[in-house]
Amino acid sequence: MNDELQNIKVSQWWRKHRKHYNVSLVIAGVLAFISTVAVVFSCQNVIPNAEITILTVLLQGFGYLIMIGIANLCFYAGPISERLIKPQDPDRFRTVTYRMGYWFSVLLPFCIPSLLLYLVVFNPEYWKN
């Protein structure tokens, strides 16, 4: 009975943090896309054929929705790991685990504009055909 009560408590804590996680993912995706657009438009002399169309926006938006779904599946690693590990200090474990997963998930979309900027600044020959 004690394990069942503990599992309910674990589920409630993680469920309470899911909305913040998802809102942050949406905001990060929008900001990462704006960053990508800024890099593309500010570096048109290096990337001459780059263009952003309605189709590319829709495809990237759809792709990002799929990535949010995958991130939500990965979100379950937190409560599952807590149930498996059974930490001595569950509050600290939850906080640390959530923050690590949160920041990884929020910063991951910025890899694309960062890579574009890196290629433009340090390897402009990449764009020449």
Protein backbone atom coordinates (compact mmCIF):
# COMPACT_ATOMS: atom_id res chain seq x y z
CA MET A 1 0.00 0.00 0.00
CA ASN A 2 2.86 2.38 0.79
CA ASP A 3 4.37 1.82 -2.70
CA GLU A 4 1.02 2.61 -4.31
CA LEU A 5 0.74 5.85 -2.35
CA GLN A 6 4.31 6.76 -3.29
CA ASN A 7 3.59 6.10 -6.99
CA ILE A 8 0.57 8.40 -6.82
CA LYS A 9 2.69 11.13 -5.22
CA VAL A 10 5.39 10.71 -7.89
CA SER A 11 2.81 10.92 -10.70
CA GLN A 12 1.18 14.00 -9.21
CA TRP A 13 4.49 15.89 -8.92
CA TRP A 14 5.49 15.18 -12.51
CA ARG A 15 1.99 15.87 -13.87
CA LYS A 16 2.02 19.26 -12.12
CA HIS A 17 5.23 20.24 -13.97
CA ARG A 18 4.19 19.02 -17.45
CA LYS A 19 2.33 22.23 -18.44
CA HIS A 20 5.34 24.44 -17.66
CA TYR A 21 7.52 22.01 -19.64
CA ASN A 22 5.25 22.08 -22.71
CA VAL A 23 4.72 25.85 -22.70
CA SER A 24 8.50 26.29 -22.48
CA LEU A 25 9.00 23.91 -25.42
CA VAL A 26 6.59 25.92 -27.56
CA ILE A 27 8.28 29.21 -26.64
CA ALA A 28 11.73 27.72 -27.30
CA GLY A 29 10.59 26.46 -30.70
CA VAL A 30 9.24 29.85 -31.73
CA LEU A 31 12.38 31.65 -30.53
CA ALA A 32 14.63 29.11 -32.26
CA PHE A 33 12.71 29.58 -35.51
CA ILE A 34 12.97 33.37 -35.21
CA SER A 35 16.72 32.92 -34.61
CA THR A 36 16.98 30.76 -37.72
CA VAL A 37 15.15 33.36 -39.80
CA ALA A 38 17.42 36.09 -38.43
CA VAL A 39 20.55 34.13 -39.36
CA VAL A 40 19.25 33.33 -42.85
CA PHE A 41 18.17 36.89 -43.65
CA SER A 42 21.20 38.57 -42.13
CA CYS A 43 23.61 36.27 -43.96
CA GLN A 44 22.11 36.29 -47.46
CA ASN A 45 25.46 37.33 -48.91
CA VAL A 46 26.90 34.01 -47.67
CA ILE A 47 23.76 31.89 -48.20
CA PRO A 48 22.51 33.32 -51.53
CA ASN A 49 19.82 30.73 -52.31
CA ALA A 50 18.28 30.55 -48.85
CA GLU A 51 14.63 31.36 -48.63
CA ILE A 52 11.88 30.91 -46.12
CA THR A 53 8.47 30.18 -47.59
CA ILE A 54 5.07 29.28 -46.18
CA LEU A 55 5.82 25.65 -47.03
CA THR A 56 9.07 25.64 -45.07
CA VAL A 57 7.34 27.30 -42.11
CA LEU A 58 4.55 24.71 -42.16
CA LEU A 59 6.97 21.79 -42.51
CA GLN A 60 9.17 23.05 -39.68
CA GLY A 61 6.13 23.68 -37.51
CA PHE A 62 4.81 20.17 -38.14
CA GLY A 63 8.25 18.70 -37.49
CA TYR A 64 8.51 20.61 -34.25
CA LEU A 65 5.13 19.31 -33.10
CA ILE A 66 6.46 15.80 -33.63
CA MET A 67 9.57 16.72 -31.62
CA ILE A 68 7.39 18.04 -28.78
CA GLY A 69 5.61 14.69 -28.78
CA ILE A 70 8.94 12.87 -28.55
CA ALA A 71 10.06 15.23 -25.78
CA ASN A 72 6.88 14.39 -23.87
CA LEU A 73 7.64 10.69 -24.19
CA CYS A 74 11.14 11.41 -22.85
CA PHE A 75 9.52 13.38 -20.02
CA TYR A 76 8.38 10.03 -18.61
CA ALA A 77 12.03 9.15 -17.96
CA GLY A 78 11.77 11.33 -14.83
CA PRO A 79 9.00 9.47 -13.00
CA ILE A 80 10.16 6.09 -14.29
CA SER A 81 13.71 6.68 -13.07
CA GLU A 82 12.40 7.83 -9.71
CA ARG A 83 10.37 4.65 -9.31
CA LEU A 84 13.35 2.50 -10.28
CA ILE A 85 16.02 4.32 -8.28
CA LYS A 86 13.87 5.10 -5.21
CA PRO A 87 16.09 7.99 -4.08
CA GLN A 88 16.63 8.83 -0.42
CA ASP A 89 15.68 12.45 -1.04
CA PRO A 90 12.89 12.31 -3.65
CA ASP A 91 12.26 16.07 -3.68
CA ARG A 92 15.88 16.82 -4.56
CA PHE A 93 15.93 13.99 -7.11
CA ARG A 94 12.80 15.35 -8.81
CA THR A 95 14.12 18.88 -8.89
CA VAL A 96 17.51 17.92 -10.32
CA THR A 97 16.08 15.44 -12.83
CA TYR A 98 13.38 17.84 -14.00
CA ARG A 99 15.82 20.74 -14.42
CA MET A 100 18.31 18.64 -16.39
CA GLY A 101 15.60 17.36 -18.75
CA TYR A 102 13.95 20.77 -18.98
CA TRP A 103 17.07 22.69 -19.95
CA PHE A 104 18.21 20.01 -22.38
CA SER A 105 14.79 20.06 -24.08
CA VAL A 106 14.51 23.85 -24.14
CA LEU A 107 18.02 24.44 -25.48
CA LEU A 108 17.96 21.65 -28.08
CA PRO A 109 15.96 23.62 -30.72
CA PHE A 110 18.66 26.29 -30.69
CA CYS A 111 21.15 23.81 -32.19
CA ILE A 112 19.80 24.57 -35.67
CA PRO A 113 20.33 28.35 -35.70
CA SER A 114 23.62 27.87 -33.83
CA LEU A 115 24.85 25.42 -36.46
CA LEU A 116 23.77 27.76 -39.26
CA LEU A 117 25.57 30.67 -37.65
CA TYR A 118 28.67 28.54 -37.08
CA LEU A 119 28.73 27.48 -40.74
CA VAL A 120 28.23 31.07 -41.95
CA VAL A 121 30.96 32.51 -39.72
CA PHE A 122 33.58 29.76 -39.66
CA ASN A 123 32.92 27.77 -42.83
CA PRO A 124 31.27 29.96 -45.49
CA GLU A 125 32.64 27.69 -48.25
CA TYR A 126 30.03 25.16 -47.12
CA TRP A 127 27.35 27.15 -48.97
CA LYS A 128 29.17 27.39 -52.29
CA ASN A 129 28.19 24.85 -54.93
